[in-house]
């Protein structure tokens, strides 16, 4: 059980409230020396503070997984490295990510990397405190194991081989050795399985936590190439199930609305732009698919330009400013089952699952639900079936942090080369250079203090 070396101990709002509630208003106490913002170990050694750590971790979960109007994650940065989003920005960090030429000093990637480690560290703190001071309900502990495993999975899906997973105990760092992505997935799976041992009650919260664990477990098993096990893991998860993170005007905006619709720094991706065809990219912006409703076009729309006053603006219509976004969904469960069918050559079985999803309305956010769609025609070959499956998966899970892991899997598990998977051709800005060859994010320079870290082991998928 580990957490990042590089994070400050979380100061949790709920814990602070619990402490302040007992403060006297006597003058001498108000004027006595204080250490604002510092909470020592003795001050969190109680049940209320333990639950405060859990609630604080859930706040980090939103920031690290879906993001906010000021933070970027796999939902946005992962989509920018693939074909879901295009940079309409002037910031070099976003432009180089879109171009697939990411530097280790990229500040946006540094923030994304640190947030994942802070998430797993906060979850570990909460688990330790809950185990001692608030062991019941056990589903609270299960929930924190889910968060920790989710963070470790996201690091392994997004970053190069060579991510260190260190620990900090009593303020003393223990620097981790770099792990391969495969080792990172194994670590994440172990924590998910630990969570399942605590998610045994039958109340709604415990059942929902178990669904979250099972859906994340299946995703990790898919990353490991264990397709049948993944399908078995989610058999009990209803297609209608969703676990959302929420946004509001008083807390933070939905990042897909903020970066795209509001700030115009992100543009919905397409298979072509002003430079011509973008090979391998899906036509999210132009397909007129109800799972990715948009306004604007990728070319010939000079009155609708992005922040850089150059890139054609295409805006998504799935999420508004305060709309909730799912981290896990019952639709995901059916997609895992469909890929297990694909892996065995049961294309008919895969098609049955995919067409059942299309036949019924599906909620993609708190306010947007797809209409029923026409069934798909069966593909002619196994290769065509792979193309069809990953296209369907991409449209169902648009900007939900899964696309980068899927493109890496097409290389690692399906034997394709990066130039047959990731966007290639002429980049639309900076003098129109070719796209680069990055298929993941590099571990950034904020890992440099770790004496065991000497750069990525490799940048392979």
Protein backbone atom coordinates (compact mmCIF):
# COMPACT_ATOMS: atom_id res chain seq x y z
CA UNK A 1 0.00 0.00 0.00
CA UNK A 2 1.74 3.10 -1.17
CA UNK A 3 1.32 6.77 -1.78
CA UNK A 4 3.28 9.41 -3.57
CA UNK A 5 6.38 10.94 -2.14
CA UNK A 6 5.50 14.26 -3.72
CA UNK A 7 2.49 15.75 -1.99
CA UNK A 8 1.54 17.81 0.99
CA UNK A 9 -0.51 16.12 3.68
CA UNK A 10 -4.13 16.94 2.85
CA UNK A 11 -5.82 19.56 4.98
CA UNK A 12 -9.40 18.43 4.83
CA UNK A 13 -12.26 20.88 5.14
CA UNK A 14 -14.43 18.48 7.11
CA UNK A 15 -11.67 17.90 9.64
CA UNK A 16 -11.14 21.64 10.02
CA UNK A 17 -14.83 22.19 10.65
CA UNK A 18 -14.82 19.49 13.30
CA UNK A 19 -11.89 21.14 15.06
CA UNK A 20 -13.24 24.68 14.90
CA UNK A 21 -16.58 23.64 16.31
CA UNK A 22 -14.98 23.17 19.72
CA UNK A 23 -13.04 26.45 19.77
CA UNK A 24 -13.76 28.95 22.53
CA UNK A 25 -14.42 32.57 21.72
CA UNK A 26 -12.65 33.85 24.83
CA UNK A 27 -10.38 36.76 24.09
CA UNK A 28 -7.21 35.18 25.48
CA UNK A 29 -7.68 32.14 23.28
CA UNK A 30 -8.37 34.23 20.23
CA UNK A 31 -5.13 36.10 20.79
CA UNK A 32 -3.01 33.05 21.62
CA UNK A 33 -0.31 31.90 19.13
CA UNK A 34 -1.70 29.87 16.29
CA UNK A 35 -0.41 27.73 13.43
CA UNK A 36 -3.08 28.25 10.79
CA UNK A 37 -3.32 25.55 8.15
CA UNK A 38 -1.36 22.96 10.14
CA UNK A 39 -3.12 19.89 11.49
CA UNK A 40 -0.97 17.51 13.49
CA UNK A 41 -1.42 13.73 13.82
CA UNK A 42 -3.01 14.10 17.27
CA UNK A 43 -5.71 16.33 15.84
CA UNK A 44 -6.93 13.79 13.28
CA UNK A 45 -6.95 10.82 15.64
CA UNK A 46 -10.73 10.52 15.87
CA UNK A 47 -13.69 9.24 13.90
CA UNK A 48 -14.84 12.63 12.59
CA UNK A 49 -11.42 13.52 11.27
CA UNK A 50 -11.03 10.06 9.71
CA UNK A 51 -14.24 10.57 7.76
CA UNK A 52 -13.03 14.07 6.91
CA UNK A 53 -10.00 12.53 5.25
CA UNK A 54 -12.32 10.32 3.21
CA UNK A 55 -14.46 13.26 2.10
CA UNK A 56 -11.35 15.25 1.24
CA UNK A 57 -10.11 12.35 -0.88
CA UNK A 58 -13.35 12.38 -2.85
CA UNK A 59 -12.73 16.05 -3.62
CA UNK A 60 -9.29 15.11 -4.93
CA UNK A 61 -10.93 12.35 -6.97
CA UNK A 62 -12.88 14.91 -8.98
CA UNK A 63 -9.81 17.09 -9.52
CA UNK A 64 -7.53 14.19 -10.51
CA UNK A 65 -9.91 12.11 -12.62
CA UNK A 66 -12.43 14.32 -14.40
CA UNK A 67 -10.80 17.67 -13.60
CA UNK A 68 -12.22 21.14 -13.09
CA UNK A 69 -12.14 24.43 -14.96
CA UNK A 70 -8.56 24.90 -13.74
CA UNK A 71 -7.17 21.34 -13.82
CA UNK A 72 -6.55 18.86 -16.60
CA UNK A 73 -6.68 15.08 -16.49
CA UNK A 74 -7.10 11.99 -18.65
CA UNK A 75 -10.55 13.31 -19.64
CA UNK A 76 -8.93 16.31 -21.32
CA UNK A 77 -5.17 15.81 -21.70
CA UNK A 78 -5.58 12.14 -22.60
CA UNK A 79 -8.11 13.14 -25.21
CA UNK A 80 -5.75 15.78 -26.58
CA UNK A 81 -2.92 13.27 -27.03
CA UNK A 82 -5.31 11.04 -28.99
CA UNK A 83 -8.05 12.14 -31.40
CA UNK A 84 -10.86 13.24 -29.07
CA UNK A 85 -9.70 16.84 -28.75
CA UNK A 86 -7.65 19.30 -30.78
CA UNK A 87 -5.79 22.30 -29.36
CA UNK A 88 -7.34 25.64 -30.18
CA UNK A 89 -5.04 27.23 -27.61
CA UNK A 90 -1.85 29.28 -27.65
CA UNK A 91 -0.26 27.53 -24.65
CA UNK A 92 2.72 25.46 -25.79
CA UNK A 93 1.98 22.71 -23.24
CA UNK A 94 -1.34 21.92 -24.89
CA UNK A 95 -0.12 22.39 -28.44
CA UNK A 96 2.80 19.97 -27.98
CA UNK A 97 0.47 17.40 -26.40
CA UNK A 98 -1.87 17.63 -29.38
CA UNK A 99 1.16 17.32 -31.70
CA UNK A 100 2.39 14.23 -29.77
CA UNK A 101 5.78 15.78 -28.90
CA UNK A 102 5.52 16.15 -25.13
CA UNK A 103 8.43 17.49 -23.06
CA UNK A 104 9.18 16.32 -19.51
CA UNK A 105 8.93 19.95 -18.38
CA UNK A 106 5.32 20.27 -19.59
CA UNK A 107 3.59 22.08 -16.71
CA UNK A 108 0.12 20.72 -17.52
CA UNK A 109 1.41 17.15 -17.51
CA UNK A 110 3.33 17.85 -14.28
CA UNK A 111 0.08 18.92 -12.64
CA UNK A 112 -1.78 15.89 -14.01
CA UNK A 113 0.99 13.55 -12.78
CA UNK A 114 1.12 15.08 -9.29
CA UNK A 115 -2.66 14.99 -8.92
CA UNK A 116 -2.73 11.22 -9.48
CA UNK A 117 -0.11 10.62 -6.81
CA UNK A 118 -1.82 13.01 -4.40
CA UNK A 119 -5.03 11.09 -4.96
CA UNK A 120 -3.56 7.71 -4.10
CA UNK A 121 -1.72 9.22 -1.12
CA UNK A 122 -4.87 10.83 0.25
CA UNK A 123 -6.75 7.54 -0.15
CA UNK A 124 -4.03 5.71 1.77
CA UNK A 125 -4.21 8.27 4.60
CA UNK A 126 -7.97 7.85 4.75
CA UNK A 127 -7.74 4.04 4.80
CA UNK A 128 -5.26 4.14 7.69
CA UNK A 129 -7.43 6.54 9.70
CA UNK A 130 -10.73 4.80 8.98
CA UNK A 131 -9.30 1.39 9.88
CA UNK A 132 -8.38 2.64 13.36
CA UNK A 133 -11.01 5.25 14.22
CA UNK A 134 -14.06 4.48 12.07
CA UNK A 135 -13.95 0.86 10.87
CA UNK A 136 -17.70 0.80 10.18
CA UNK A 137 -19.28 1.10 7.73
CA UNK A 138 -16.71 -1.01 5.96
CA UNK A 139 -17.88 0.34 2.61
CA UNK A 140 -16.11 3.62 3.43
CA UNK A 141 -12.80 1.76 3.49
CA UNK A 142 -13.79 -0.09 0.32
CA UNK A 143 -14.45 3.25 -1.36
CA UNK A 144 -10.95 4.51 -0.51
CA UNK A 145 -9.35 1.35 -1.89
CA UNK A 146 -11.33 2.00 -5.09
CA UNK A 147 -9.96 5.53 -5.30
CA UNK A 148 -6.39 4.38 -4.67
CA UNK A 149 -6.59 1.62 -7.30
CA UNK A 150 -8.24 4.01 -9.76
CA UNK A 151 -5.39 6.51 -9.40
CA UNK A 152 -2.76 3.82 -9.91
CA UNK A 153 -4.59 2.50 -12.96
CA UNK A 154 -4.76 6.00 -14.47
CA UNK A 155 -1.03 6.52 -13.97
CA UNK A 156 -0.31 3.19 -15.66
CA UNK A 157 -2.67 3.83 -18.58
CA UNK A 158 -1.41 7.35 -19.24
CA UNK A 159 2.32 7.42 -18.54
CA UNK A 160 5.41 5.70 -19.87
CA UNK A 161 6.94 2.57 -18.41
CA UNK A 162 8.85 3.72 -15.36
CA UNK A 163 6.43 5.43 -12.96
CA UNK A 164 7.72 5.29 -9.35
CA UNK A 165 5.11 4.58 -6.66
CA UNK A 166 6.71 5.86 -3.45
CA UNK A 167 5.40 6.18 0.09
CA UNK A 168 5.55 8.81 2.80
CA UNK A 169 5.17 7.74 6.42
CA UNK A 170 5.31 10.14 9.36
CA UNK A 171 6.62 12.80 7.02
CA UNK A 172 9.57 10.70 5.87
CA UNK A 173 9.69 9.87 2.15
CA UNK A 174 10.53 6.40 0.91
CA UNK A 175 11.36 6.82 -2.75
CA UNK A 176 9.87 4.18 -5.00
CA UNK A 177 11.63 2.38 -7.79
CA UNK A 178 10.21 2.86 -11.30
CA UNK A 179 7.62 0.25 -12.25
CA UNK A 180 6.56 -0.91 -15.66
CA UNK A 181 2.96 -0.28 -16.67
CA UNK A 182 2.29 -3.99 -16.16
CA UNK A 183 3.56 -3.76 -12.57
CA UNK A 184 1.45 -0.63 -12.05
CA UNK A 185 -1.67 -2.47 -13.20
CA UNK A 186 -0.87 -5.32 -10.82
CA UNK A 187 -0.53 -2.85 -7.95
CA UNK A 188 -3.84 -1.20 -8.83
CA UNK A 189 -5.60 -4.56 -9.08
CA UNK A 190 -4.33 -5.61 -5.64
CA UNK A 191 -5.85 -2.51 -4.08
CA UNK A 192 -9.15 -2.99 -5.94
CA UNK A 193 -9.30 -6.58 -4.68
CA UNK A 194 -8.60 -5.36 -1.14
CA UNK A 195 -11.54 -2.99 -1.50
CA UNK A 196 -13.85 -5.80 -2.55
CA UNK A 197 -13.23 -7.58 0.75
CA UNK A 198 -14.79 -4.57 2.52
CA UNK A 199 -17.72 -4.07 0.10
CA UNK A 200 -19.90 -6.87 1.42
CA UNK A 201 -22.96 -5.07 2.86
CA UNK A 202 -26.25 -4.86 0.98
CA UNK A 203 -27.20 -1.20 1.51
CA UNK A 204 -27.21 1.11 -1.51
CA UNK A 205 -23.89 2.80 -0.72
CA UNK A 206 -22.07 -0.52 -0.29
CA UNK A 207 -23.58 -1.98 -3.45
CA UNK A 208 -22.66 1.10 -5.48
CA UNK A 209 -19.13 1.00 -4.10
CA UNK A 210 -18.91 -2.65 -5.10
CA UNK A 211 -20.04 -1.75 -8.62
CA UNK A 212 -17.33 0.93 -8.79
CA UNK A 213 -14.72 -1.59 -7.70
CA UNK A 214 -15.93 -4.23 -10.17
CA UNK A 215 -16.01 -1.82 -13.10
CA UNK A 216 -12.50 -0.58 -12.32
CA UNK A 217 -11.32 -4.15 -11.78
CA UNK A 218 -12.62 -5.10 -15.23
CA UNK A 219 -10.87 -2.14 -16.84
CA UNK A 220 -7.57 -3.17 -15.26
CA UNK A 221 -8.08 -6.78 -16.36
CA UNK A 222 -8.69 -5.55 -19.91
CA UNK A 223 -5.43 -3.58 -19.66
CA UNK A 224 -3.76 -6.86 -18.65
CA UNK A 225 -5.32 -8.78 -21.53
CA UNK A 226 -7.55 -10.87 -19.25
CA UNK A 227 -10.73 -10.39 -21.23
CA UNK A 228 -12.84 -13.29 -19.96
CA UNK A 229 -12.07 -12.37 -16.34
CA UNK A 230 -13.06 -8.79 -17.05
CA UNK A 231 -16.41 -9.85 -18.51
CA UNK A 232 -17.09 -12.10 -15.53
CA UNK A 233 -16.30 -9.26 -13.11
CA UNK A 234 -19.08 -6.98 -14.37
CA UNK A 235 -21.87 -9.46 -15.05
CA UNK A 236 -23.95 -8.15 -12.12
CA UNK A 237 -23.52 -4.44 -12.94
CA UNK A 238 -26.73 -3.00 -14.48
CA UNK A 239 -26.39 -1.13 -17.77
CA UNK A 240 -28.29 1.76 -16.16
CA UNK A 241 -25.69 2.23 -13.40
CA UNK A 242 -23.67 5.49 -13.28
CA UNK A 243 -21.33 7.01 -10.66
CA UNK A 244 -21.02 10.73 -11.27
CA UNK A 245 -18.84 13.55 -10.01
CA UNK A 246 -20.79 16.77 -9.67
CA UNK A 247 -20.06 20.40 -10.48
CA UNK A 248 -21.70 23.65 -9.45
CA UNK A 249 -21.30 27.40 -9.84
CA UNK A 250 -20.02 27.65 -6.25
CA UNK A 251 -17.35 24.92 -6.55
CA UNK A 252 -16.01 24.27 -10.04
CA UNK A 253 -17.16 24.07 -13.64
CA UNK A 254 -17.32 20.91 -15.71
CA UNK A 255 -13.93 20.95 -17.52
CA UNK A 256 -15.24 19.76 -20.88
CA UNK A 257 -17.64 22.70 -20.91
CA UNK A 258 -15.05 25.10 -19.52
CA UNK A 259 -12.05 24.32 -21.76
CA UNK A 260 -14.16 23.77 -24.86
CA UNK A 261 -17.50 25.58 -24.84
CA UNK A 262 -16.54 28.49 -22.61
CA UNK A 263 -12.80 29.18 -23.00
CA UNK A 264 -12.60 27.80 -26.56
CA UNK A 265 -9.13 26.38 -25.89
CA UNK A 266 -10.18 22.86 -26.88
CA UNK A 267 -11.91 21.78 -30.07
CA UNK A 268 -13.74 18.48 -30.64
CA UNK A 269 -11.47 16.28 -32.76
CA UNK A 270 -12.15 15.18 -36.31
CA UNK A 271 -10.70 13.04 -39.10
CA UNK A 272 -9.81 16.15 -41.12
CA UNK A 273 -9.05 19.84 -40.64
CA UNK A 274 -7.71 22.75 -42.71
CA UNK A 275 -4.57 20.73 -43.54
CA UNK A 276 -6.58 17.83 -44.97
CA UNK A 277 -7.00 14.24 -43.79
CA UNK A 278 -5.82 13.22 -40.32
CA UNK A 279 -5.10 9.53 -40.71
CA UNK A 280 -6.43 7.19 -37.98
CA UNK A 281 -8.47 9.93 -36.25
CA UNK A 282 -12.17 9.29 -35.74
CA UNK A 283 -14.64 11.90 -37.04
CA UNK A 284 -16.05 12.89 -33.65
CA UNK A 285 -16.87 16.38 -34.92
CA UNK A 286 -18.37 15.47 -38.30
CA UNK A 287 -19.95 12.03 -37.85
CA UNK A 288 -23.27 13.47 -36.63
CA UNK A 289 -23.34 10.69 -34.08
CA UNK A 290 -25.83 11.42 -31.26
CA UNK A 291 -23.30 10.23 -28.67
CA UNK A 292 -21.09 13.24 -29.51
CA UNK A 293 -23.46 16.09 -30.41
CA UNK A 294 -21.57 19.19 -31.54
CA UNK A 295 -21.95 22.69 -32.92
CA UNK A 296 -19.52 24.10 -35.49
CA UNK A 297 -17.47 22.48 -38.23
CA UNK A 298 -13.82 21.54 -38.66
CA UNK A 299 -13.38 23.65 -41.80
CA UNK A 300 -14.98 26.69 -43.47
CA UNK A 301 -16.29 28.26 -40.29
CA UNK A 302 -14.27 31.46 -40.03
CA UNK A 303 -16.83 33.14 -37.80
CA UNK A 304 -16.41 30.41 -35.17
CA UNK A 305 -12.75 30.32 -34.22
CA UNK A 306 -11.09 28.96 -31.11
CA UNK A 307 -9.03 30.91 -28.55
CA UNK A 308 -6.01 31.05 -30.89
CA UNK A 309 -8.15 32.89 -33.47
CA UNK A 310 -7.09 30.31 -36.03
CA UNK A 311 -8.41 26.81 -35.28
CA UNK A 312 -11.99 26.11 -36.31
CA UNK A 313 -14.17 25.86 -33.20
CA UNK A 314 -16.29 22.75 -32.69
CA UNK A 315 -18.08 22.56 -29.33
CA UNK A 316 -19.53 19.51 -27.61
CA UNK A 317 -23.13 19.53 -26.37
CA UNK A 318 -23.01 16.63 -23.89
CA UNK A 319 -22.11 18.63 -20.79
CA UNK A 320 -23.10 22.09 -19.65
CA UNK A 321 -21.37 24.21 -17.06
CA UNK A 322 -22.60 22.32 -13.99
CA UNK A 323 -23.48 18.94 -15.51
CA UNK A 324 -22.22 15.83 -13.77
CA UNK A 325 -19.81 13.47 -15.52
CA UNK A 326 -19.53 9.72 -14.94
CA UNK A 327 -16.33 8.03 -13.76
CA UNK A 328 -17.80 4.55 -14.23
CA UNK A 329 -20.91 3.43 -16.08
CA UNK A 330 -22.93 0.32 -16.77
CA UNK A 331 -22.32 0.99 -20.46
CA UNK A 332 -18.64 0.30 -19.70
CA UNK A 333 -19.62 -3.10 -18.34
CA UNK A 334 -21.32 -4.08 -21.58
CA UNK A 335 -18.31 -2.88 -23.60
CA UNK A 336 -15.98 -5.08 -21.54
CA UNK A 337 -18.28 -8.03 -22.24
CA UNK A 338 -18.38 -7.19 -25.95
CA UNK A 339 -14.58 -7.08 -26.17
CA UNK A 340 -14.37 -10.47 -24.48
CA UNK A 341 -16.61 -11.82 -27.27
CA UNK A 342 -14.40 -10.13 -29.87
CA UNK A 343 -11.33 -11.78 -28.40
CA UNK A 344 -12.77 -15.25 -28.84
CA UNK A 345 -13.86 -14.57 -32.42
CA UNK A 346 -17.52 -14.47 -31.42
CA UNK A 347 -18.32 -11.44 -33.59
CA UNK A 348 -22.04 -12.27 -33.56
CA UNK A 349 -22.01 -12.16 -29.75
CA UNK A 350 -20.15 -8.84 -29.81
CA UNK A 351 -22.70 -7.41 -32.23
CA UNK A 352 -25.60 -8.51 -30.04
CA UNK A 353 -24.18 -6.55 -27.11
CA UNK A 354 -23.29 -3.46 -29.15
CA UNK A 355 -26.69 -3.33 -30.84
CA UNK A 356 -28.48 -3.77 -27.50
CA UNK A 357 -26.68 -0.66 -26.25
CA UNK A 358 -27.74 1.25 -29.34
CA UNK A 359 -31.35 0.10 -29.08
CA UNK A 360 -32.03 1.90 -25.80
CA UNK A 361 -31.44 5.50 -24.63
CA UNK A 362 -28.26 5.80 -22.55
CA UNK A 363 -27.36 8.61 -20.14
CA UNK A 364 -23.94 10.10 -20.91
CA UNK A 365 -24.16 12.87 -18.31
CA UNK A 366 -26.63 14.18 -15.76
CA UNK A 367 -28.68 16.00 -18.43
CA UNK A 368 -27.88 14.35 -21.77
CA UNK A 369 -29.30 11.00 -22.88
CA UNK A 370 -28.80 9.50 -26.32
CA UNK A 371 -31.78 8.54 -28.45
CA UNK A 372 -32.15 4.96 -29.62
CA UNK A 373 -29.96 4.31 -32.66
CA UNK A 374 -30.20 2.00 -35.65
CA UNK A 375 -28.43 -1.36 -35.37
CA UNK A 376 -25.00 -1.88 -36.85
CA UNK A 377 -24.25 -4.15 -39.77
CA UNK A 378 -21.99 -7.09 -39.00
CA UNK A 379 -18.38 -6.58 -40.11
CA UNK A 380 -16.94 -8.78 -42.84
CA UNK A 381 -13.62 -9.69 -41.20
CA UNK A 382 -12.07 -9.97 -37.76
CA UNK A 383 -9.96 -6.89 -38.47
CA UNK A 384 -13.09 -4.98 -39.43
CA UNK A 385 -14.69 -6.19 -36.20
CA UNK A 386 -11.79 -4.73 -34.19
CA UNK A 387 -12.17 -1.40 -36.01
CA UNK A 388 -15.91 -1.36 -35.40
CA UNK A 389 -15.61 -2.24 -31.73
CA UNK A 390 -13.07 0.46 -30.92
CA UNK A 391 -15.06 3.03 -32.87
CA UNK A 392 -18.21 2.20 -30.92
CA UNK A 393 -16.27 2.24 -27.63
CA UNK A 394 -14.76 5.63 -28.50
CA UNK A 395 -18.15 7.22 -29.19
CA UNK A 396 -19.77 5.73 -26.08
CA UNK A 397 -16.89 6.87 -23.86
CA UNK A 398 -15.99 10.18 -25.52
CA UNK A 399 -13.77 12.31 -23.26
CA UNK A 400 -14.06 9.94 -20.31
CA UNK A 401 -10.37 9.14 -19.97
CA UNK A 402 -10.40 5.78 -21.76
CA UNK A 403 -9.23 6.61 -25.30
CA UNK A 404 -5.48 6.79 -24.60
CA UNK A 405 -5.47 3.41 -22.87
CA UNK A 406 -7.46 1.92 -25.75
CA UNK A 407 -5.10 3.22 -28.44
CA UNK A 408 -2.12 1.90 -26.49
CA UNK A 409 -3.88 -1.48 -26.28
CA UNK A 410 -4.42 -1.55 -30.04
CA UNK A 411 -0.63 -1.51 -30.30
CA UNK A 412 0.18 -3.73 -27.35
CA UNK A 413 -2.60 -6.32 -27.60
CA UNK A 414 -3.77 -6.16 -31.22
CA UNK A 415 -0.38 -5.92 -32.94
CA UNK A 416 -0.84 -2.60 -34.70
CA UNK A 417 1.87 0.04 -35.07
CA UNK A 418 1.52 3.56 -33.69
CA UNK A 419 1.30 5.06 -37.18
CA UNK A 420 -1.78 2.89 -37.79
CA UNK A 421 -3.43 3.88 -34.51
CA UNK A 422 -2.63 7.44 -33.39
CA UNK A 423 -3.26 10.59 -35.47
CA UNK A 424 -0.62 11.06 -38.17
CA UNK A 425 -0.17 13.49 -41.02
CA UNK A 426 0.27 17.26 -41.02
CA UNK A 427 -0.27 19.15 -37.76
CA UNK A 428 -2.54 22.17 -38.11
CA UNK A 429 -0.33 24.76 -36.33
CA UNK A 430 3.27 25.82 -35.72
CA UNK A 431 4.24 25.82 -39.39
CA UNK A 432 2.46 22.52 -40.13
CA UNK A 433 5.06 19.99 -38.97
CA UNK A 434 4.21 16.28 -38.95
CA UNK A 435 2.66 14.74 -35.87
CA UNK A 436 5.16 13.23 -33.45
CA UNK A 437 5.32 9.63 -32.24
CA UNK A 438 4.37 9.88 -28.53
CA UNK A 439 1.92 7.20 -27.43
CA UNK A 440 1.93 8.13 -23.73
CA UNK A 441 2.97 10.88 -21.35
CA UNK A 442 6.53 11.04 -20.01
CA UNK A 443 7.13 11.05 -16.27
CA UNK A 444 7.78 14.72 -15.68
CA UNK A 445 10.60 16.62 -13.95
CA UNK A 446 8.78 16.75 -10.62
CA UNK A 447 10.06 13.19 -10.14
CA UNK A 448 13.70 14.35 -10.42
CA UNK A 449 14.31 14.53 -6.61
CA UNK A 450 13.80 10.75 -6.51
CA UNK A 451 17.34 9.27 -6.59
CA UNK A 452 15.93 6.02 -8.01
CA UNK A 453 14.42 7.73 -11.04
CA UNK A 454 16.49 8.32 -14.16
CA UNK A 455 13.78 8.87 -16.75
CA UNK A 456 11.25 6.61 -18.42
CA UNK A 457 12.30 2.98 -18.82
CA UNK A 458 10.84 3.29 -22.31
CA UNK A 459 8.03 5.11 -24.14
CA UNK A 460 6.47 1.93 -25.54
CA UNK A 461 2.74 1.33 -25.59
